[in-house]
C-alpha atoms as a PDB file:
ATOM      1  CA  MET A   1      28.704 153.658  13.315  1.00  0.00           C
ATOM      2  CA  PRO A   2      29.970 156.915  13.853  1.00  0.00           C
ATOM      3  CA  GLY A   3      30.461 158.946  10.917  1.00  0.00           C
ATOM      4  CA  LEU A   4      29.304 156.108   8.665  1.00  0.00           C
ATOM      5  CA  GLY A   5      25.143 155.685   9.443  1.00  0.00           C
ATOM      6  CA  SER A   6      23.483 154.285  12.151  1.00  0.00           C
ATOM      7  CA  ALA A   7      22.243 150.273  12.160  1.00  0.00           C
ATOM      8  CA  GLY A   8      20.229 149.340   9.021  1.00  0.00           C
ATOM      9  CA  THR A   9      21.021 151.934   7.015  1.00  0.00           C
ATOM     10  CA  VAL A  10      22.887 150.857   3.347  1.00  0.00           C
ATOM     11  CA  VAL A  11      25.802 152.951   2.913  1.00  0.00           C
ATOM     12  CA  TYR A  12      28.774 152.789   0.244  1.00  0.00           C
ATOM     13  CA  VAL A  13      32.290 152.216   1.645  1.00  0.00           C
ATOM     14  CA  ASN A  14      35.827 151.315   0.519  1.00  0.00           C
ATOM     15  CA  LYS A  15      36.039 148.035  -0.853  1.00  0.00           C
ATOM     16  CA  ALA A  16      39.485 147.517   1.340  1.00  0.00           C
ATOM     17  CA  TYR A  17      37.985 149.402   4.526  1.00  0.00           C
ATOM     18  CA  MET A  18      35.102 147.191   4.461  1.00  0.00           C
ATOM     19  CA  ARG A  19      36.854 144.055   3.968  1.00  0.00           C
ATOM     20  CA  HIS A  20      39.751 144.639   6.186  1.00  0.00           C
ATOM     21  CA  GLU A  21      37.845 146.200   8.860  1.00  0.00           C
ATOM     22  CA  LEU A  22      34.382 146.571   9.081  1.00  0.00           C
ATOM     23  CA  TYR A  23      33.338 142.490   8.374  1.00  0.00           C
ATOM     24  CA  PRO A  24      35.623 140.855  10.692  1.00  0.00           C
ATOM     25  CA  LYS A  25      35.001 142.702  13.487  1.00  0.00           C
ATOM     26  CA  HIS A  26      30.787 142.099  12.637  1.00  0.00           C
ATOM     27  CA  LEU A  27      30.427 146.035  12.331  1.00  0.00           C
ATOM     28  CA  ALA A  28      28.530 145.736   8.870  1.00  0.00           C
ATOM     29  CA  GLU A  29      27.615 142.984   6.718  1.00  0.00           C
ATOM     30  CA  TYR A  30      28.061 142.752   2.761  1.00  0.00           C
ATOM     31  CA  VAL A  31      24.674 143.720   0.885  1.00  0.00           C
ATOM     32  CA  ILE A  32      24.073 142.228  -2.871  1.00  0.00           C
ATOM     33  CA  ALA A  33      23.103 145.194  -4.732  1.00  0.00           C
ATOM     34  CA  ARG A  34      19.386 145.242  -5.929  1.00  0.00           C
ATOM     35  CA  SER A  35      18.684 144.286  -9.236  1.00  0.00           C
ATOM     36  CA  GLY A  36      15.774 145.149 -11.356  1.00  0.00           C
ATOM     37  CA  PRO A  37      13.894 147.942 -11.894  1.00  0.00           C
ATOM     38  CA  LEU A  38      13.933 151.400  -9.616  1.00  0.00           C
ATOM     39  CA  ASP A  39      10.791 152.102 -10.069  1.00  0.00           C
ATOM     40  CA  ARG A  40       8.988 149.828  -6.940  1.00  0.00           C
ATOM     41  CA  GLY A  41       5.643 150.565  -8.615  1.00  0.00           C
ATOM     42  CA  VAL A  42       7.086 148.115 -11.687  1.00  0.00           C
ATOM     43  CA  SER A  43       6.822 144.494 -10.931  1.00  0.00           C
ATOM     44  CA  THR A  44       9.840 142.193 -11.593  1.00  0.00           C
ATOM     45  CA  GLY A  45       8.035 139.046 -11.015  1.00  0.00           C
ATOM     46  CA  LYS A  46       9.946 138.252  -7.739  1.00  0.00           C
ATOM     47  CA  VAL A  47       8.526 137.551  -4.271  1.00  0.00           C
ATOM     48  CA  GLU A  48       9.039 140.828  -1.998  1.00  0.00           C
ATOM     49  CA  GLY A  49      11.295 140.931   0.345  1.00  0.00           C
ATOM     50  CA  MET A  50      13.319 137.625  -1.326  1.00  0.00           C
ATOM     51  CA  PRO A  51      16.662 137.656  -3.068  1.00  0.00           C
ATOM     52  CA  SER A  52      17.047 136.584  -6.601  1.00  0.00           C
ATOM     53  CA  ARG A  53      18.533 132.966  -6.559  1.00  0.00           C
ATOM     54  CA  MET A  54      22.135 134.435  -8.213  1.00  0.00           C
ATOM     55  CA  GLY A  55      22.017 136.762  -5.487  1.00  0.00           C
ATOM     56  CA  ALA A  56      21.848 135.051  -2.636  1.00  0.00           C
ATOM     57  CA  ASP A  57      24.298 132.606  -4.177  1.00  0.00           C
ATOM     58  CA  ALA A  58      26.567 135.430  -4.411  1.00  0.00           C
ATOM     59  CA  GLN A  59      26.081 136.106  -1.218  1.00  0.00           C
ATOM     60  CA  HIS A  60      26.234 132.660   0.469  1.00  0.00           C
ATOM     61  CA  ASP A  61      29.604 132.525  -1.279  1.00  0.00           C
ATOM     62  CA  VAL A  62      30.940 135.385  -0.044  1.00  0.00           C
ATOM     63  CA  HIS A  63      30.276 135.042   3.403  1.00  0.00           C
ATOM     64  CA  SER A  64      31.407 131.054   3.490  1.00  0.00           C
ATOM     65  CA  LEU A  65      34.513 132.419   1.865  1.00  0.00           C
ATOM     66  CA  ALA A  66      34.873 134.781   4.828  1.00  0.00           C
ATOM     67  CA  LEU A  67      34.171 132.574   7.565  1.00  0.00           C
ATOM     68  CA  LYS A  68      36.791 130.100   5.847  1.00  0.00           C
ATOM     69  CA  ASN A  69      39.216 132.648   6.081  1.00  0.00           C
ATOM     70  CA  GLN A  70      38.879 133.845   8.999  1.00  0.00           C
ATOM     71  CA  ASP A  71      39.135 130.662  10.267  1.00  0.00           C
ATOM     72  CA  ILE A  72      42.076 130.258   8.741  1.00  0.00           C
ATOM     73  CA  ILE A  73      43.554 133.361  10.218  1.00  0.00           C
ATOM     74  CA  GLY A  74      42.530 132.368  13.601  1.00  0.00           C
ATOM     75  CA  ARG A  75      44.910 128.881  13.214  1.00  0.00           C
ATOM     76  CA  ILE A  76      48.097 130.376  11.891  1.00  0.00           C
ATOM     77  CA  THR A  77      47.524 132.829  14.984  1.00  0.00           C
ATOM     78  CA  ARG A  78      48.169 129.638  17.238  1.00  0.00           C
ATOM     79  CA  ILE A  79      50.911 128.009  15.672  1.00  0.00           C
ATOM     80  CA  GLU A  80      53.972 127.773  16.756  1.00  0.00           C
ATOM     81  CA  PRO A  81      57.526 129.195  14.805  1.00  0.00           C
ATOM     82  CA  LEU A  82      58.120 127.077  11.752  1.00  0.00           C
ATOM     83  CA  VAL A  83      61.618 125.952  11.930  1.00  0.00           C
ATOM     84  CA  PHE A  84      63.767 124.898   9.069  1.00  0.00           C
ATOM     85  CA  LYS A  85      66.781 123.356   9.329  1.00  0.00           C
ATOM     86  CA  ARG A  86      69.459 123.999   6.565  1.00  0.00           C
ATOM     87  CA  SER A  87      72.925 122.848   6.011  1.00  0.00           C
ATOM     88  CA  VAL A  88      75.335 125.540   5.993  1.00  0.00           C
ATOM     89  CA  VAL A  89      78.029 127.164   4.216  1.00  0.00           C
ATOM     90  CA  VAL A  90      81.141 127.565   5.698  1.00  0.00           C
ATOM     91  CA  THR A  91      83.723 130.568   4.694  1.00  0.00           C
ATOM     92  CA  ASP A  92      86.665 132.580   6.140  1.00  0.00           C
ATOM     93  CA  GLY A  93      84.259 135.434   7.235  1.00  0.00           C
ATOM     94  CA  ASP A  94      81.217 133.191   7.735  1.00  0.00           C
ATOM     95  CA  SER A  95      78.945 134.893  10.620  1.00  0.00           C
ATOM     96  CA  VAL A  96      77.933 137.957   9.853  1.00  0.00           C
ATOM     97  CA  ASP A  97      75.687 139.655  12.897  1.00  0.00           C
ATOM     98  CA  GLY A  98      75.086 135.837  13.676  1.00  0.00           C
ATOM     99  CA  GLU A  99      73.380 134.555  10.611  1.00  0.00           C
ATOM    100  CA  GLN A 100      75.532 131.958   7.916  1.00  0.00           C
ATOM    101  CA  THR A 101      74.773 131.651   4.717  1.00  0.00           C
ATOM    102  CA  ILE A 102      72.939 128.353   3.733  1.00  0.00           C
ATOM    103  CA  TYR A 103      72.761 126.006   0.876  1.00  0.00           C
ATOM    104  CA  GLY A 104      69.897 126.901  -1.416  1.00  0.00           C
ATOM    105  CA  SER A 105      66.997 128.880  -0.370  1.00  0.00           C
ATOM    106  CA  LEU A 106      63.644 129.006   1.956  1.00  0.00           C
ATOM    107  CA  SER A 107      61.137 129.944  -0.524  1.00  0.00           C
ATOM    108  CA  LYS A 108      57.168 131.053  -0.124  1.00  0.00           C
ATOM    109  CA  ALA A 109      56.460 127.260  -1.830  1.00  0.00           C
ATOM    110  CA  ASP A 110      58.531 125.792   1.038  1.00  0.00           C
ATOM    111  CA  VAL A 111      57.068 127.597   3.583  1.00  0.00           C
ATOM    112  CA  VAL A 112      53.397 126.925   2.220  1.00  0.00           C
ATOM    113  CA  LYS A 113      54.622 123.645   2.157  1.00  0.00           C
ATOM    114  CA  GLU A 114      55.765 123.147   5.892  1.00  0.00           C
ATOM    115  CA  LEU A 115      52.608 125.262   6.813  1.00  0.00           C
ATOM    116  CA  GLU A 116      50.289 123.024   4.760  1.00  0.00           C
ATOM    117  CA  SER A 117      52.482 119.444   6.537  1.00  0.00           C
ATOM    118  CA  ARG A 118      52.763 120.991  10.272  1.00  0.00           C
ATOM    119  CA  SER A 119      49.276 122.341  11.043  1.00  0.00           C
ATOM    120  CA  GLY A 120      47.164 121.277   7.855  1.00  0.00           C
ATOM    121  CA  ILE A 121      46.684 125.324   7.169  1.00  0.00           C
ATOM    122  CA  VAL A 122      46.318 125.477   3.632  1.00  0.00           C
ATOM    123  CA  VAL A 123      47.357 128.589   1.872  1.00  0.00           C
ATOM    124  CA  ASP A 124      48.163 129.839  -1.703  1.00  0.00           C
ATOM    125  CA  LYS A 125      51.513 131.316  -2.720  1.00  0.00           C
ATOM    126  CA  SER A 126      50.210 134.470  -3.784  1.00  0.00           C
ATOM    127  CA  ALA A 127      48.579 135.068  -0.342  1.00  0.00           C
ATOM    128  CA  LEU A 128      51.938 134.803   1.692  1.00  0.00           C
ATOM    129  CA  THR A 129      54.359 137.493   1.817  1.00  0.00           C
ATOM    130  CA  MET A 130      57.651 137.181   2.889  1.00  0.00           C
ATOM    131  CA  ASP A 131      61.712 137.742   1.295  1.00  0.00           C
ATOM    132  CA  ASP A 132      61.668 137.286  -1.734  1.00  0.00           C
ATOM    133  CA  LYS A 133      64.070 134.260  -0.738  1.00  0.00           C
ATOM    134  CA  ILE A 134      65.613 133.848   2.642  1.00  0.00           C
ATOM    135  CA  LYS A 135      69.019 132.499   1.997  1.00  0.00           C
ATOM    136  CA  SER A 136      70.994 132.807   5.755  1.00  0.00           C
ATOM    137  CA  THR A 137      70.133 131.471   9.111  1.00  0.00           C
ATOM    138  CA  GLY A 138      67.834 133.445  11.345  1.00  0.00           C
ATOM    139  CA  ASP A 139      63.918 134.821  12.332  1.00  0.00           C
ATOM    140  CA  TYR A 140      61.872 135.823   9.766  1.00  0.00           C
ATOM    141  CA  THR A 141      58.453 137.362   9.458  1.00  0.00           C
ATOM    142  CA  CYS A 142      55.869 135.865   7.300  1.00  0.00           C
ATOM    143  CA  THR A 143      52.568 137.465   6.558  1.00  0.00           C
ATOM    144  CA  VAL A 144      49.527 135.307   5.240  1.00  0.00           C
ATOM    145  CA  LYS A 145      46.752 138.481   3.292  1.00  0.00           C
ATOM    146  CA  LEU A 146      43.449 136.207   3.092  1.00  0.00           C
ATOM    147  CA  ILE A 147      40.096 138.345   1.195  1.00  0.00           C
ATOM    148  CA  TYR A 148      37.434 139.011   4.093  1.00  0.00           C
ATOM    149  CA  ALA A 149      39.876 137.869   6.874  1.00  0.00           C
ATOM    150  CA  GLY A 150      42.621 140.887   6.818  1.00  0.00           C
ATOM    151  CA  GLN A 151      46.375 139.335   7.891  1.00  0.00           C
ATOM    152  CA  VAL A 152      47.945 137.519   9.995  1.00  0.00           C
ATOM    153  CA  SER A 153      52.233 137.184  10.874  1.00  0.00           C
ATOM    154  CA  PHE A 154      53.813 134.202  11.770  1.00  0.00           C
ATOM    155  CA  LYS A 155      57.506 133.549  12.751  1.00  0.00           C
ATOM    156  CA  CYS A 156      59.580 131.219  10.201  1.00  0.00           C
ATOM    157  CA  LEU A 157      62.995 130.545  12.349  1.00  0.00           C
ATOM    158  CA  VAL A 158      65.946 128.897   9.795  1.00  0.00           C
ATOM    159  CA  VAL A 159      68.780 127.378  11.782  1.00  0.00           C
ATOM    160  CA  PRO A 160      71.663 125.351  10.961  1.00  0.00           C
ATOM    161  CA  ASP A 161      71.335 121.795  10.381  1.00  0.00           C
ATOM    162  CA  ALA A 162      75.074 120.666  10.151  1.00  0.00           C
ATOM    163  CA  VAL A 163      78.126 122.432   9.189  1.00  0.00           C
ATOM    164  CA  ASN A 164      79.508 121.205   5.276  1.00  0.00           C
ATOM    165  CA  PRO A 165      82.823 122.507   4.457  1.00  0.00           C
ATOM    166  CA  GLN A 166      83.200 124.276   1.452  1.00  0.00           C
ATOM    167  CA  SER A 167      85.686 121.971  -1.236  1.00  0.00           C
END
Protein backbone atom coordinates (compact mmCIF):
# COMPACT_ATOMS: atom_id res chain seq x y z
CA MET A 1 0.00 0.00 0.00
CA PRO A 2 1.75 3.22 -1.10
CA GLY A 3 2.55 5.48 1.83
CA LEU A 4 1.63 2.89 4.48
CA GLY A 5 4.02 -0.03 4.03
CA SER A 6 4.60 -3.22 2.14
CA ALA A 7 2.72 -6.51 2.39
CA GLY A 8 3.22 -8.19 5.75
CA THR A 9 4.25 -5.10 7.70
CA VAL A 10 2.26 -3.93 10.69
CA VAL A 11 1.50 -0.21 10.77
CA TYR A 12 -0.80 1.88 12.90
CA VAL A 13 -3.56 3.80 11.10
CA ASN A 14 -6.57 5.78 12.19
CA LYS A 15 -9.39 3.45 13.34
CA ALA A 16 -11.96 5.07 11.04
CA TYR A 17 -9.62 4.84 8.03
CA MET A 18 -9.12 1.13 8.71
CA ARG A 19 -12.82 0.48 9.34
CA HIS A 20 -14.21 2.43 6.36
CA GLU A 21 -11.49 2.23 3.71
CA LEU A 22 -8.78 -0.37 4.15
CA TYR A 23 -10.66 -3.36 5.61
CA PRO A 24 -13.77 -3.25 3.36
CA LYS A 25 -11.56 -3.08 0.25
CA HIS A 26 -9.43 -6.00 1.53
CA LEU A 27 -6.31 -3.82 1.53
CA ALA A 28 -5.50 -4.61 5.18
CA GLU A 29 -6.34 -7.02 7.98
CA TYR A 30 -6.85 -6.40 11.68
CA VAL A 31 -4.02 -7.50 13.95
CA ILE A 32 -4.68 -8.14 17.61
CA ALA A 33 -1.98 -6.45 19.66
CA ARG A 34 0.58 -8.86 21.09
CA SER A 35 0.35 -9.33 24.83
CA GLY A 36 3.21 -10.47 27.03
CA PRO A 37 6.79 -9.39 27.56
CA LEU A 38 8.45 -7.48 24.74
CA ASP A 39 11.76 -9.30 25.24
CA ARG A 40 11.58 -12.30 22.92
CA GLY A 41 14.14 -14.10 25.06
CA VAL A 42 11.67 -14.32 27.98
CA SER A 43 9.31 -17.28 27.81
CA THR A 44 5.60 -16.66 28.14
CA GLY A 45 4.58 -20.30 28.26
CA LYS A 46 2.80 -19.99 24.92
CA VAL A 47 3.50 -21.93 21.79
CA GLU A 48 5.45 -19.67 19.43
CA GLY A 49 3.36 -18.35 16.56
CA MET A 50 0.01 -19.22 18.16
CA PRO A 51 -2.17 -16.32 19.34
CA SER A 52 -3.61 -16.42 22.83
CA ARG A 53 -7.08 -17.93 23.07
CA MET A 54 -8.57 -14.61 24.16
CA GLY A 55 -6.85 -12.78 21.28
CA ALA A 56 -8.01 -15.38 18.78
CA ASP A 57 -11.60 -15.14 20.05
CA ALA A 58 -11.56 -11.35 19.82
CA GLN A 59 -10.13 -11.48 16.31
CA HIS A 60 -12.74 -14.06 15.29
CA ASP A 61 -15.55 -11.89 16.74
CA VAL A 62 -14.32 -8.81 14.86
CA HIS A 63 -13.97 -10.79 11.64
CA SER A 64 -17.42 -12.40 11.90
CA LEU A 65 -19.05 -9.03 12.71
CA ALA A 66 -17.30 -7.46 9.72
CA LEU A 67 -18.48 -10.25 7.39
CA LYS A 68 -22.05 -10.04 8.73
CA ASN A 69 -22.14 -6.26 8.31
CA GLN A 70 -20.67 -6.44 4.80
CA ASP A 71 -23.40 -8.95 3.88
CA ILE A 72 -26.07 -6.58 5.23
CA ILE A 73 -24.59 -3.66 3.25
CA GLY A 74 -24.63 -5.81 0.09
CA ARG A 75 -28.26 -6.80 0.63
CA ILE A 76 -29.34 -3.19 1.24
CA THR A 77 -27.74 -2.06 -2.04
CA ARG A 78 -30.01 -4.49 -3.92
CA ILE A 79 -33.36 -3.56 -2.34
CA GLU A 80 -36.07 -1.59 -4.10
CA PRO A 81 -37.09 1.76 -2.56
CA LEU A 82 -39.31 1.33 0.49
CA VAL A 83 -42.77 2.76 -0.16
CA PHE A 84 -44.84 4.04 2.74
CA LYS A 85 -48.51 4.90 2.17
CA ARG A 86 -49.78 7.56 4.55
CA SER A 87 -53.02 9.50 4.86
CA VAL A 88 -52.62 13.16 3.96
CA VAL A 89 -54.03 16.28 5.59
CA VAL A 90 -56.06 18.52 3.25
CA THR A 91 -55.58 22.24 3.86
CA ASP A 92 -56.19 25.40 1.81
CA GLY A 93 -52.57 25.68 0.65
CA ASP A 94 -52.26 21.91 0.35
CA SER A 95 -49.25 21.41 -1.84
CA VAL A 96 -45.89 23.11 -1.37
CA ASP A 97 -43.40 21.95 -4.02
CA GLY A 98 -45.57 18.90 -4.68
CA GLU A 99 -45.37 17.68 -1.07
CA GLN A 100 -48.40 17.10 1.13
CA THR A 101 -48.48 16.95 4.91
CA ILE A 102 -49.20 13.48 6.28
CA TYR A 103 -51.03 12.42 9.43
CA GLY A 104 -48.46 11.53 12.04
CA SER A 105 -44.91 11.03 10.83
CA LEU A 106 -42.46 8.45 9.53
CA SER A 107 -39.81 7.61 12.12
CA LYS A 108 -36.63 5.54 12.19
CA ALA A 109 -38.56 2.76 13.93
CA ASP A 110 -41.02 2.61 11.00
CA VAL A 111 -38.19 2.36 8.46
CA VAL A 112 -36.32 -0.33 10.44
CA LYS A 113 -39.53 -2.35 10.85
CA GLU A 114 -40.35 -2.10 7.12
CA LEU A 115 -36.78 -2.99 6.16
CA GLU A 116 -37.03 -6.15 8.27
CA SER A 117 -40.52 -7.16 7.10
CA ARG A 118 -39.90 -6.64 3.36
CA SER A 119 -36.27 -7.73 3.02
CA GLY A 120 -35.46 -9.66 6.18
CA ILE A 121 -32.65 -7.19 6.92
CA VAL A 122 -32.26 -6.47 10.63
CA VAL A 123 -30.49 -3.24 11.58
CA ASP A 124 -30.49 -1.23 14.78
CA LYS A 125 -32.23 2.15 14.89
CA SER A 126 -28.95 3.77 15.91
CA ALA A 127 -27.31 2.60 12.66
CA LEU A 128 -29.95 4.40 10.55
CA THR A 129 -29.51 8.06 9.60
CA MET A 130 -32.40 10.04 8.13
CA ASP A 131 -34.41 13.20 8.69
CA ASP A 132 -35.56 13.19 12.31
CA LYS A 133 -39.20 12.49 11.52
CA ILE A 134 -40.63 12.72 8.03
CA LYS A 135 -43.89 14.70 8.02
CA SER A 136 -44.72 15.10 4.33
CA THR A 137 -44.93 13.06 1.13
CA GLY A 138 -41.90 12.79 -1.15
CA ASP A 139 -38.62 10.95 -1.75
CA TYR A 140 -36.17 10.63 1.12
CA THR A 141 -32.71 9.13 1.43
CA CYS A 142 -31.89 6.95 4.42
CA THR A 143 -28.35 5.82 5.26
CA VAL A 144 -27.26 2.77 7.24
CA LYS A 145 -23.79 2.96 8.83
CA LEU A 146 -22.34 -0.33 10.05
CA ILE A 147 -19.04 -0.84 11.84
CA TYR A 148 -16.29 -2.55 9.79
CA ALA A 149 -18.44 -2.34 6.64
CA GLY A 150 -19.05 1.32 5.84
CA GLN A 151 -22.34 2.87 4.88
CA VAL A 152 -25.02 2.50 2.24
CA SER A 153 -27.98 4.67 1.24
CA PHE A 154 -31.42 3.65 0.05
CA LYS A 155 -34.61 5.44 -0.92
CA CYS A 156 -37.83 5.76 1.06
CA LEU A 157 -40.92 7.04 -0.74
CA VAL A 158 -43.84 8.49 1.19
CA VAL A 159 -46.95 8.50 -0.98
CA PRO A 160 -50.52 9.57 -0.22
CA ASP A 161 -52.85 6.70 0.63
CA ALA A 162 -56.17 8.51 0.79
CA VAL A 163 -57.33 12.08 1.24
CA ASN A 164 -59.00 12.73 4.60
CA PRO A 165 -60.90 16.05 4.78
CA GLN A 166 -60.15 18.08 7.86
CA SER A 167 -63.15 18.82 10.10
